[in-house]
C-alpha atoms as a PDB file:
ATOM      1  CA  MET A   1      -4.591  -8.280  31.968  1.00  0.00           C
ATOM      2  CA  SER A   2      -5.686  -6.731  35.491  1.00  0.00           C
ATOM      3  CA  ASN A   3      -9.198  -6.487  34.759  1.00  0.00           C
ATOM      4  CA  PRO A   4     -11.907  -8.594  32.947  1.00  0.00           C
ATOM      5  CA  TYR A   5     -12.868  -7.544  29.679  1.00  0.00           C
ATOM      6  CA  LYS A   6     -15.582  -5.941  28.111  1.00  0.00           C
ATOM      7  CA  THR A   7     -16.566  -5.062  24.704  1.00  0.00           C
ATOM      8  CA  ARG A   8     -19.179  -3.728  22.215  1.00  0.00           C
ATOM      9  CA  ALA A   9     -21.751  -6.219  20.985  1.00  0.00           C
ATOM     10  CA  GLY A  10     -20.669  -8.216  18.234  1.00  0.00           C
ATOM     11  CA  GLY A  11     -16.941  -7.719  19.359  1.00  0.00           C
ATOM     12  CA  ALA A  12     -14.189  -5.438  19.589  1.00  0.00           C
ATOM     13  CA  THR A  13     -12.696  -5.104  15.940  1.00  0.00           C
ATOM     14  CA  VAL A  14      -9.532  -7.156  14.828  1.00  0.00           C
ATOM     15  CA  THR A  15      -6.931  -5.441  13.094  1.00  0.00           C
ATOM     16  CA  VAL A  16      -4.510  -7.622  11.113  1.00  0.00           C
ATOM     17  CA  PHE A  17      -0.994  -6.551  10.462  1.00  0.00           C
ATOM     18  CA  VAL A  18      -0.033  -8.028   7.042  1.00  0.00           C
ATOM     19  CA  PRO A  19       3.164 -10.179   7.285  1.00  0.00           C
ATOM     20  CA  TYR A  20       5.127  -8.238   4.671  1.00  0.00           C
ATOM     21  CA  ASP A  21       5.935  -4.709   4.245  1.00  0.00           C
ATOM     22  CA  CYS A  22       5.094  -1.706   1.700  1.00  0.00           C
ATOM     23  CA  GLN A  23       7.825   0.355   0.017  1.00  0.00           C
ATOM     24  CA  ASN A  24       6.555   3.544   1.488  1.00  0.00           C
ATOM     25  CA  ASN A  25       7.904   5.714   4.009  1.00  0.00           C
ATOM     26  CA  CYS A  26       4.825   8.275   5.068  1.00  0.00           C
ATOM     27  CA  PRO A  27       6.315  10.591   8.005  1.00  0.00           C
ATOM     28  CA  PHE A  28       3.418   9.933  10.053  1.00  0.00           C
ATOM     29  CA  CYS A  29       3.219   6.262   9.755  1.00  0.00           C
ATOM     30  CA  ILE A  30       4.225   4.569  13.072  1.00  0.00           C
ATOM     31  CA  ASN A  31       3.682   1.231  11.911  1.00  0.00           C
ATOM     32  CA  LYS A  32       6.754   1.423   9.776  1.00  0.00           C
ATOM     33  CA  ARG A  33       9.513   0.450  12.414  1.00  0.00           C
ATOM     34  CA  GLU A  34       7.474  -2.747  13.132  1.00  0.00           C
ATOM     35  CA  TYR A  35       8.601  -3.897   9.847  1.00  0.00           C
ATOM     36  CA  ALA A  36      12.471  -2.998   9.861  1.00  0.00           C
ATOM     37  CA  ASP A  37      12.783  -6.540  10.813  1.00  0.00           C
ATOM     38  CA  CYS A  38      10.460  -9.373   9.379  1.00  0.00           C
ATOM     39  CA  SER A  39      12.229 -12.463  10.907  1.00  0.00           C
ATOM     40  CA  GLY A  40       9.239 -14.299  12.896  1.00  0.00           C
ATOM     41  CA  PHE A  41       6.842 -12.984  10.689  1.00  0.00           C
ATOM     42  CA  SER A  42       3.880 -15.822  10.012  1.00  0.00           C
ATOM     43  CA  LEU A  43       1.282 -16.194   7.678  1.00  0.00           C
ATOM     44  CA  PRO A  44       0.407 -19.589   9.223  1.00  0.00           C
ATOM     45  CA  ALA A  45       0.282 -17.928  12.483  1.00  0.00           C
ATOM     46  CA  ILE A  46      -1.723 -15.119  11.527  1.00  0.00           C
ATOM     47  CA  ILE A  47      -4.415 -17.381   9.838  1.00  0.00           C
ATOM     48  CA  GLU A  48      -4.658 -19.346  13.104  1.00  0.00           C
ATOM     49  CA  SER A  49      -5.263 -16.126  15.400  1.00  0.00           C
ATOM     50  CA  ILE A  50      -7.912 -15.041  12.705  1.00  0.00           C
ATOM     51  CA  ARG A  51      -9.661 -18.266  13.363  1.00  0.00           C
ATOM     52  CA  THR A  52      -9.328 -17.929  17.101  1.00  0.00           C
ATOM     53  CA  MET A  53     -11.057 -14.446  16.665  1.00  0.00           C
ATOM     54  CA  ASP A  54     -13.492 -15.859  14.586  1.00  0.00           C
ATOM     55  CA  GLY A  55     -14.320 -18.443  16.974  1.00  0.00           C
ATOM     56  CA  ILE A  56     -14.985 -16.048  19.841  1.00  0.00           C
ATOM     57  CA  THR A  57     -16.691 -13.077  18.521  1.00  0.00           C
ATOM     58  CA  PRO A  58     -17.923 -14.630  14.857  1.00  0.00           C
ATOM     59  CA  TYR A  59     -19.846 -11.000  13.926  1.00  0.00           C
ATOM     60  CA  CYS A  60     -16.605  -8.877  14.642  1.00  0.00           C
ATOM     61  CA  ASP A  61     -15.154  -6.494  12.303  1.00  0.00           C
ATOM     62  CA  PHE A  62     -11.585  -7.257  10.496  1.00  0.00           C
ATOM     63  CA  VAL A  63      -9.269  -4.969   8.837  1.00  0.00           C
ATOM     64  CA  PHE A  64      -6.151  -5.361   7.326  1.00  0.00           C
ATOM     65  CA  THR A  65      -3.431  -3.122   7.457  1.00  0.00           C
ATOM     66  CA  GLY A  66       0.647  -2.855   7.471  1.00  0.00           C
ATOM     67  CA  GLY A  67       2.791  -2.889   5.598  1.00  0.00           C
ATOM     68  CA  GLU A  68       0.567  -2.938   2.414  1.00  0.00           C
ATOM     69  CA  PRO A  69      -2.178  -5.468   2.268  1.00  0.00           C
ATOM     70  CA  PHE A  70      -2.231  -5.718  -1.791  1.00  0.00           C
ATOM     71  CA  ALA A  71       1.786  -6.075  -1.995  1.00  0.00           C
ATOM     72  CA  ASP A  72       0.972 -10.169  -1.708  1.00  0.00           C
ATOM     73  CA  LEU A  73      -2.172 -10.983  -3.128  1.00  0.00           C
ATOM     74  CA  ASP A  74      -1.737 -14.598  -2.445  1.00  0.00           C
ATOM     75  CA  ALA A  75      -1.074 -14.469   1.128  1.00  0.00           C
ATOM     76  CA  LEU A  76      -3.878 -11.492   1.330  1.00  0.00           C
ATOM     77  CA  GLN A  77      -6.447 -14.312  -0.322  1.00  0.00           C
ATOM     78  CA  GLN A  78      -5.291 -16.663   2.019  1.00  0.00           C
ATOM     79  CA  MET A  79      -6.178 -14.752   5.040  1.00  0.00           C
ATOM     80  CA  LEU A  80      -9.350 -13.601   3.274  1.00  0.00           C
ATOM     81  CA  ASP A  81     -10.498 -17.103   2.375  1.00  0.00           C
ATOM     82  CA  VAL A  82     -10.638 -18.065   6.444  1.00  0.00           C
ATOM     83  CA  ILE A  83     -12.965 -15.216   7.219  1.00  0.00           C
ATOM     84  CA  PRO A  84     -16.587 -16.108   7.182  1.00  0.00           C
ATOM     85  CA  THR A  85     -19.318 -13.869   5.540  1.00  0.00           C
ATOM     86  CA  THR A  86     -20.584 -13.001   9.160  1.00  0.00           C
ATOM     87  CA  HIS A  87     -17.731 -10.498   9.454  1.00  0.00           C
ATOM     88  CA  LYS A  88     -17.356  -7.020   7.770  1.00  0.00           C
ATOM     89  CA  ILE A  89     -13.697  -6.800   6.170  1.00  0.00           C
ATOM     90  CA  TYR A  90     -11.805  -3.360   5.486  1.00  0.00           C
ATOM     91  CA  ILE A  91      -8.523  -3.198   3.943  1.00  0.00           C
ATOM     92  CA  ASN A  92      -6.211  -0.394   4.605  1.00  0.00           C
ATOM     93  CA  THR A  93      -4.198   0.371   1.402  1.00  0.00           C
ATOM     94  CA  THR A  94      -2.111   3.109  -1.056  1.00  0.00           C
ATOM     95  CA  PHE A  95      -3.235   0.798  -3.769  1.00  0.00           C
ATOM     96  CA  PRO A  96       0.323   1.374  -4.969  1.00  0.00           C
ATOM     97  CA  VAL A  97       2.210   1.176  -8.231  1.00  0.00           C
ATOM     98  CA  GLN A  98       4.250  -1.967  -7.915  1.00  0.00           C
ATOM     99  CA  SER A  99       6.931  -3.687  -9.763  1.00  0.00           C
ATOM    100  CA  HIS A 100       6.006  -7.044  -8.926  1.00  0.00           C
ATOM    101  CA  THR A 101       1.940  -6.827  -9.248  1.00  0.00           C
ATOM    102  CA  THR A 102       0.027  -4.938 -11.816  1.00  0.00           C
ATOM    103  CA  LEU A 103      -2.788  -2.600 -11.284  1.00  0.00           C
ATOM    104  CA  ASP A 104      -5.209  -4.700 -13.344  1.00  0.00           C
ATOM    105  CA  GLU A 105      -4.046  -7.714 -11.313  1.00  0.00           C
ATOM    106  CA  MET A 106      -5.033  -5.819  -7.801  1.00  0.00           C
ATOM    107  CA  LEU A 107      -8.513  -4.434  -9.715  1.00  0.00           C
ATOM    108  CA  ALA A 108      -9.206  -8.093 -10.715  1.00  0.00           C
ATOM    109  CA  PHE A 109      -8.550  -9.200  -6.935  1.00  0.00           C
ATOM    110  CA  THR A 110     -11.176  -6.536  -5.865  1.00  0.00           C
ATOM    111  CA  GLU A 111     -13.676  -8.423  -8.572  1.00  0.00           C
ATOM    112  CA  ARG A 112     -13.164 -11.595  -7.011  1.00  0.00           C
ATOM    113  CA  ASN A 113     -13.466 -10.467  -3.673  1.00  0.00           C
ATOM    114  CA  LYS A 114     -15.953  -7.755  -3.898  1.00  0.00           C
ATOM    115  CA  GLU A 115     -18.890  -9.749  -2.171  1.00  0.00           C
ATOM    116  CA  LYS A 116     -16.443 -10.311   0.712  1.00  0.00           C
ATOM    117  CA  ILE A 117     -14.837  -6.960   1.396  1.00  0.00           C
ATOM    118  CA  THR A 118     -16.699  -4.596   2.716  1.00  0.00           C
ATOM    119  CA  CYS A 119     -14.371  -1.203   1.773  1.00  0.00           C
ATOM    120  CA  VAL A 120     -11.305  -0.444   0.554  1.00  0.00           C
ATOM    121  CA  ASN A 121      -9.720   2.759   2.306  1.00  0.00           C
ATOM    122  CA  ILE A 122      -7.395   4.181  -0.014  1.00  0.00           C
ATOM    123  CA  SER A 123      -4.477   6.536   1.305  1.00  0.00           C
ATOM    124  CA  ARG A 124      -4.360   9.701  -0.557  1.00  0.00           C
ATOM    125  CA  HIS A 125      -2.858  12.798   1.196  1.00  0.00           C
ATOM    126  CA  LEU A 126      -2.403  16.289  -0.087  1.00  0.00           C
ATOM    127  CA  GLN A 127       1.093  15.982  -0.342  1.00  0.00           C
ATOM    128  CA  LYS A 128       2.401  12.772  -2.167  1.00  0.00           C
ATOM    129  CA  TYR A 129       4.729  10.463  -0.199  1.00  0.00           C
ATOM    130  CA  VAL A 130       4.255   7.540  -2.777  1.00  0.00           C
ATOM    131  CA  GLU A 131       3.944   6.800  -6.560  1.00  0.00           C
ATOM    132  CA  GLU A 132       0.147   6.829  -6.686  1.00  0.00           C
ATOM    133  CA  SER A 133      -1.941   4.820  -8.796  1.00  0.00           C
ATOM    134  CA  PRO A 134      -4.172   7.005 -11.106  1.00  0.00           C
ATOM    135  CA  ASP A 135      -7.674   8.152  -9.580  1.00  0.00           C
ATOM    136  CA  GLU A 136      -9.412   6.712 -12.773  1.00  0.00           C
ATOM    137  CA  VAL A 137      -7.824   3.308 -11.397  1.00  0.00           C
ATOM    138  CA  ILE A 138      -9.349   3.806  -7.868  1.00  0.00           C
ATOM    139  CA  ALA A 139     -12.544   4.552  -9.208  1.00  0.00           C
ATOM    140  CA  ARG A 140     -12.519   0.996 -10.977  1.00  0.00           C
ATOM    141  CA  ILE A 141     -12.264  -0.776  -7.734  1.00  0.00           C
ATOM    142  CA  ALA A 142     -15.059  -3.336  -7.792  1.00  0.00           C
ATOM    143  CA  CYS A 143     -16.048  -3.224  -4.164  1.00  0.00           C
ATOM    144  CA  PRO A 144     -16.941   0.309  -2.052  1.00  0.00           C
ATOM    145  CA  LYS A 145     -14.136   2.531  -1.513  1.00  0.00           C
ATOM    146  CA  ARG A 146     -13.227   5.799   0.591  1.00  0.00           C
ATOM    147  CA  ILE A 147     -10.210   8.009   0.533  1.00  0.00           C
ATOM    148  CA  ASN A 148      -8.512   8.576   3.645  1.00  0.00           C
ATOM    149  CA  CYS A 149      -6.502  11.674   3.956  1.00  0.00           C
ATOM    150  CA  VAL A 150      -4.115  12.587   6.864  1.00  0.00           C
ATOM    151  CA  LEU A 151      -4.104  16.117   7.675  1.00  0.00           C
ATOM    152  CA  TYR A 152      -0.664  16.351   8.530  1.00  0.00           C
ATOM    153  CA  LYS A 153       1.134  19.343  10.537  1.00  0.00           C
ATOM    154  CA  HIS A 154       1.208  22.173   8.087  1.00  0.00           C
ATOM    155  CA  TYR A 155      -1.132  21.017   5.652  1.00  0.00           C
ATOM    156  CA  PRO A 156      -2.326  23.646   3.047  1.00  0.00           C
ATOM    157  CA  ALA A 157      -5.680  24.531   3.719  1.00  0.00           C
ATOM    158  CA  ASP A 158      -6.456  26.309   0.402  1.00  0.00           C
ATOM    159  CA  LYS A 159      -5.831  23.279  -1.625  1.00  0.00           C
ATOM    160  CA  LEU A 160      -8.983  21.313   0.280  1.00  0.00           C
ATOM    161  CA  PRO A 161     -11.807  22.370  -2.218  1.00  0.00           C
ATOM    162  CA  ALA A 162      -9.719  21.130  -5.333  1.00  0.00           C
ATOM    163  CA  TYR A 163      -8.553  17.833  -3.204  1.00  0.00           C
ATOM    164  CA  VAL A 164     -12.431  16.947  -2.616  1.00  0.00           C
ATOM    165  CA  GLU A 165     -13.186  18.224  -6.253  1.00  0.00           C
ATOM    166  CA  ARG A 166     -10.900  15.354  -7.179  1.00  0.00           C
ATOM    167  CA  PHE A 167     -12.734  12.443  -5.802  1.00  0.00           C
ATOM    168  CA  LEU A 168     -16.440  13.915  -6.333  1.00  0.00           C
ATOM    169  CA  ARG A 169     -16.132  13.185 -10.112  1.00  0.00           C
ATOM    170  CA  TYR A 170     -15.966   9.770  -9.099  1.00  0.00           C
ATOM    171  CA  HIS A 171     -18.369   9.933  -6.163  1.00  0.00           C
ATOM    172  CA  ILE A 172     -15.604   8.469  -3.682  1.00  0.00           C
ATOM    173  CA  PRO A 173     -16.420   9.689  -0.080  1.00  0.00           C
ATOM    174  CA  VAL A 174     -13.430  11.137   1.850  1.00  0.00           C
ATOM    175  CA  GLN A 175     -12.508  10.557   5.330  1.00  0.00           C
ATOM    176  CA  PHE A 176      -9.883  13.561   6.546  1.00  0.00           C
ATOM    177  CA  ARG A 177      -7.968  12.054   9.801  1.00  0.00           C
ATOM    178  CA  TYR A 178      -6.323  13.819  12.680  1.00  0.00           C
ATOM    179  CA  ASP A 179      -2.794  12.652  13.489  1.00  0.00           C
ATOM    180  CA  TYR A 180      -3.879  10.203  15.937  1.00  0.00           C
ATOM    181  CA  THR A 181      -0.492  10.121  17.659  1.00  0.00           C
ATOM    182  CA  GLU A 182      -1.418  13.718  18.929  1.00  0.00           C
ATOM    183  CA  THR A 183      -4.904  12.801  20.112  1.00  0.00           C
ATOM    184  CA  THR A 184      -5.680  12.755  24.027  1.00  0.00           C
ATOM    185  CA  PRO A 185      -8.844  12.603  26.007  1.00  0.00           C
ATOM    186  CA  GLU A 186      -8.727  16.236  26.336  1.00  0.00           C
ATOM    187  CA  ASN A 187      -8.829  17.099  22.958  1.00  0.00           C
ATOM    188  CA  LEU A 188     -10.628  14.306  21.182  1.00  0.00           C
ATOM    189  CA  TYR A 189     -13.875  16.240  21.309  1.00  0.00           C
ATOM    190  CA  GLU A 190     -12.137  19.851  21.645  1.00  0.00           C
ATOM    191  CA  GLU A 191     -13.373  22.056  18.742  1.00  0.00           C
ATOM    192  CA  GLU A 192     -12.418  25.839  19.426  1.00  0.00           C
ATOM    193  CA  ASN A 193      -8.643  25.158  18.923  1.00  0.00           C
ATOM    194  CA  ASP A 194      -9.132  22.439  16.459  1.00  0.00           C
ATOM    195  CA  ARG A 195      -7.447  23.923  13.219  1.00  0.00           C
ATOM    196  CA  ILE A 196      -8.510  21.088  11.001  1.00  0.00           C
ATOM    197  CA  LEU A 197     -12.154  21.257  12.442  1.00  0.00           C
ATOM    198  CA  GLN A 198     -12.373  25.098  11.857  1.00  0.00           C
ATOM    199  CA  ASP A 199     -10.808  24.818   8.321  1.00  0.00           C
ATOM    200  CA  LEU A 200     -13.491  22.222   7.443  1.00  0.00           C
ATOM    201  CA  LYS A 201     -16.377  24.138   8.566  1.00  0.00           C
ATOM    202  CA  ARG A 202     -15.223  27.214   6.635  1.00  0.00           C
ATOM    203  CA  LEU A 203     -14.898  25.469   3.375  1.00  0.00           C
ATOM    204  CA  PHE A 204     -17.548  22.973   3.609  1.00  0.00           C
ATOM    205  CA  THR A 205     -21.248  22.060   4.987  1.00  0.00           C
ATOM    206  CA  TYR A 206     -21.241  20.667   8.548  1.00  0.00           C
ATOM    207  CA  LYS A 207     -23.915  18.252   8.881  1.00  0.00           C
ATOM    208  CA  GLY A 208     -23.163  16.716  12.600  1.00  0.00           C
ATOM    209  CA  LEU A 209     -20.943  14.858  14.933  1.00  0.00           C
ATOM    210  CA  ASP A 210     -21.179  11.230  16.239  1.00  0.00           C
ATOM    211  CA  GLY A 211     -18.723   9.642  18.601  1.00  0.00           C
ATOM    212  CA  CYS A 212     -18.207   7.572  21.712  1.00  0.00           C
ATOM    213  CA  ARG A 213     -15.457   7.043  24.220  1.00  0.00           C
ATOM    214  CA  MET A 214     -12.662   6.131  21.820  1.00  0.00           C
ATOM    215  CA  ARG A 215     -13.137   7.857  18.656  1.00  0.00           C
ATOM    216  CA  ASN A 216     -15.562  10.435  16.486  1.00  0.00           C
ATOM    217  CA  GLY A 217     -16.299  11.494  13.385  1.00  0.00           C
ATOM    218  CA  PHE A 218     -17.336  15.186  12.477  1.00  0.00           C
ATOM    219  CA  HIS A 219     -19.575  15.060   9.082  1.00  0.00           C
ATOM    220  CA  PHE A 220     -19.694  17.266   6.251  1.00  0.00           C
ATOM    221  CA  GLU A 221     -21.234  17.560   2.528  1.00  0.00           C
ATOM    222  CA  TYR A 222     -19.994  19.128  -0.619  1.00  0.00           C
ATOM    223  CA  LYS A 223     -21.998  18.753  -3.555  1.00  0.00           C
ATOM    224  CA  GLY A 224     -23.625  15.713  -2.240  1.00  0.00           C
ATOM    225  CA  LEU A 225     -20.366  14.026  -1.421  1.00  0.00           C
ATOM    226  CA  HIS A 226     -19.778  12.498   2.178  1.00  0.00           C
ATOM    227  CA  MET A 227     -16.808  13.737   4.023  1.00  0.00           C
ATOM    228  CA  THR A 228     -15.965  12.863   7.529  1.00  0.00           C
ATOM    229  CA  TYR A 229     -13.286  14.213   9.631  1.00  0.00           C
ATOM    230  CA  HIS A 230     -12.097  11.523  12.070  1.00  0.00           C
ATOM    231  CA  LYS A 231     -10.475  11.701  15.365  1.00  0.00           C
ATOM    232  CA  THR A 232      -9.204   8.593  17.550  1.00  0.00           C
ATOM    233  CA  LEU A 233      -7.115   8.003  20.542  1.00  0.00           C
ATOM    234  CA  PRO A 234      -3.828   6.048  20.171  1.00  0.00           C
ATOM    235  CA  TYR A 235      -4.784   3.408  22.090  1.00  0.00           C
ATOM    236  CA  SER A 236      -8.123   0.904  22.477  1.00  0.00           C
ATOM    237  CA  THR A 237      -8.422   0.021  25.822  1.00  0.00           C
ATOM    238  CA  ILE A 238     -10.755   2.348  28.345  1.00  0.00           C
ATOM    239  CA  VAL A 239     -10.745   1.224  32.013  1.00  0.00           C
ATOM    240  CA  GLU A 240     -13.851   1.921  33.805  1.00  0.00           C
ATOM    241  CA  THR A 241     -15.728   0.729  37.152  1.00  0.00           C
ATOM    242  CA  ASP A 242     -19.453  -0.104  36.657  1.00  0.00           C
ATOM    243  CA  GLU A 243     -22.436   0.832  38.872  1.00  0.00           C
ATOM    244  CA  ASN A 244     -21.803  -2.650  40.923  1.00  0.00           C
ATOM    245  CA  GLY A 245     -18.167  -1.624  41.663  1.00  0.00           C
ATOM    246  CA  VAL A 246     -16.515  -4.000  38.701  1.00  0.00           C
ATOM    247  CA  THR A 247     -13.689  -2.471  36.716  1.00  0.00           C
ATOM    248  CA  TYR A 248     -13.404  -3.785  33.350  1.00  0.00           C
ATOM    249  CA  ASP A 249     -10.887  -3.210  30.758  1.00  0.00           C
ATOM    250  CA  ILE A 250     -13.383  -2.211  27.805  1.00  0.00           C
ATOM    251  CA  LEU A 251     -11.920  -2.844  24.565  1.00  0.00           C
ATOM    252  CA  TYR A 252     -12.384  -1.210  21.121  1.00  0.00           C
ATOM    253  CA  ASP A 253      -9.589  -2.585  19.111  1.00  0.00           C
ATOM    254  CA  ILE A 254      -7.790  -6.058  18.833  1.00  0.00           C
ATOM    255  CA  ILE A 255      -4.730  -6.480  16.897  1.00  0.00           C
ATOM    256  CA  ILE A 256      -3.132  -9.681  15.329  1.00  0.00           C
ATOM    257  CA  LYS A 257       0.392  -8.667  15.264  1.00  0.00           C
ATOM    258  CA  GLN A 258       2.963  -9.766  12.108  1.00  0.00           C
ATOM    259  CA  ASN A 259       3.915 -12.890  13.879  1.00  0.00           C
ATOM    260  CA  GLY A 260       0.432 -13.946  14.888  1.00  0.00           C
ATOM    261  CA  GLU A 261       0.231 -12.888  18.442  1.00  0.00           C
ATOM    262  CA  ILE A 262      -2.965 -11.276  19.550  1.00  0.00           C
ATOM    263  CA  HIS A 263      -2.979  -7.900  21.442  1.00  0.00           C
ATOM    264  CA  SER A 264      -5.713  -5.927  23.490  1.00  0.00           C
ATOM    265  CA  ASP A 265      -4.017  -2.855  22.716  1.00  0.00           C
ATOM    266  CA  TRP A 266      -1.793  -0.725  19.965  1.00  0.00           C
ATOM    267  CA  THR A 267       0.440  -0.135  22.898  1.00  0.00           C
ATOM    268  CA  GLY A 268       1.920  -3.961  22.849  1.00  0.00           C
ATOM    269  CA  VAL A 269      -0.163  -5.197  25.534  1.00  0.00           C
ATOM    270  CA  LYS A 270      -0.790  -9.023  24.826  1.00  0.00           C
ATOM    271  CA  MET A 271      -4.318 -10.056  25.251  1.00  0.00           C
ATOM    272  CA  ASP A 272      -5.469 -12.706  27.537  1.00  0.00           C
ATOM    273  CA  VAL A 273      -7.165 -14.774  24.798  1.00  0.00           C
ATOM    274  CA  GLU A 274      -8.710 -17.416  27.155  1.00  0.00           C
ATOM    275  CA  ALA A 275      -9.932 -14.442  29.275  1.00  0.00           C
ATOM    276  CA  TYR A 276     -11.679 -12.789  26.169  1.00  0.00           C
ATOM    277  CA  ARG A 277     -13.739 -15.900  25.786  1.00  0.00           C
ATOM    278  CA  HIS A 278     -15.645 -14.561  28.709  1.00  0.00           C
ATOM    279  CA  VAL A 279     -15.938 -11.278  27.662  1.00  0.00           C
ATOM    280  CA  VAL A 280     -18.672  -9.270  28.939  1.00  0.00           C
ATOM    281  CA  PHE A 281     -20.817  -7.590  26.032  1.00  0.00           C
ATOM    282  CA  GLU A 282     -22.427  -4.038  26.005  1.00  0.00           C
ATOM    283  CA  PRO A 283     -24.195  -2.178  23.623  1.00  0.00           C
ATOM    284  CA  TYR A 284     -21.758  -0.221  21.399  1.00  0.00           C
ATOM    285  CA  ASP A 285     -21.799   3.493  22.787  1.00  0.00           C
ATOM    286  CA  LEU A 286     -21.541   5.193  19.542  1.00  0.00           C
ATOM    287  CA  LYS A 287     -24.329   8.222  18.716  1.00  0.00           C
ATOM    288  CA  VAL A 288     -25.103  10.979  17.313  1.00  0.00           C
ATOM    289  CA  ILE A 289     -24.239  13.583  19.408  1.00  0.00           C
ATOM    290  CA  ASN A 290     -25.276  16.740  17.369  1.00  0.00           C
ATOM    291  CA  GLY A 291     -26.797  17.501  13.962  1.00  0.00           C
ATOM    292  CA  THR A 292     -27.950  15.059  11.340  1.00  0.00           C
ATOM    293  CA  VAL A 293     -25.745  12.101  10.385  1.00  0.00           C
ATOM    294  CA  ASP A 294     -27.918  10.364   7.936  1.00  0.00           C
ATOM    295  CA  PHE A 295     -25.566   9.357   4.769  1.00  0.00           C
END
């Protein structure tokens, strides 16, 4: 670390890479290469790091990703069990069809943990890359859920209304995502040449925009269904000098790796945990930029 840390009130979001792989090979997934060699992965080390982050920022959000969190329900339960109720917990998943775990077992897991899990984010794309569990199963997930859809390269824009109708019947909100490996500070808020944004504005009712230094959301409505177009930078540290001349590393995301290491960025930067115990907090800079965002 070259500068003292600063983060938003409550603490940076902590993303946990689960210590087991998925069976998928989605073309836009940059995590897959991290699971090519699973030696050194450690559930106990991850649990200890979760406890460390809870101790420093007892109100931060936790996100579980991978890999596939639902591929090992016992390990996922152990990780959830060490997180107190002061935190929001999100799970990124394909909610996959698996040979070793039934869909009913996964649904029962969400029922047991429905008071603990804030939201399950389910990947469902215009083009199928995995064997998907049926939509009616997704609708039975016991806790709040949202559909995530990466609009990747030459996506078929003409299929977007039918895609939204697919989840409208279950009243499950949809978040479209830009390929964040292509996001830069210059195009994060650029609108005119953003093909995805223009397609969505043409097909759905635009409501408003909120955002911060790191990410944003363009909000839409279709027959009462809330949709978001999400863009985020491919890293999570912003370096800024304040009015007193102090330069800070401003952290938005902290990552717990599969071996339990704690990183301060997606780019492989290890965090100085002791320095983070003295982090400076600032108000979260997420704000409504235009329109009405009242979903």
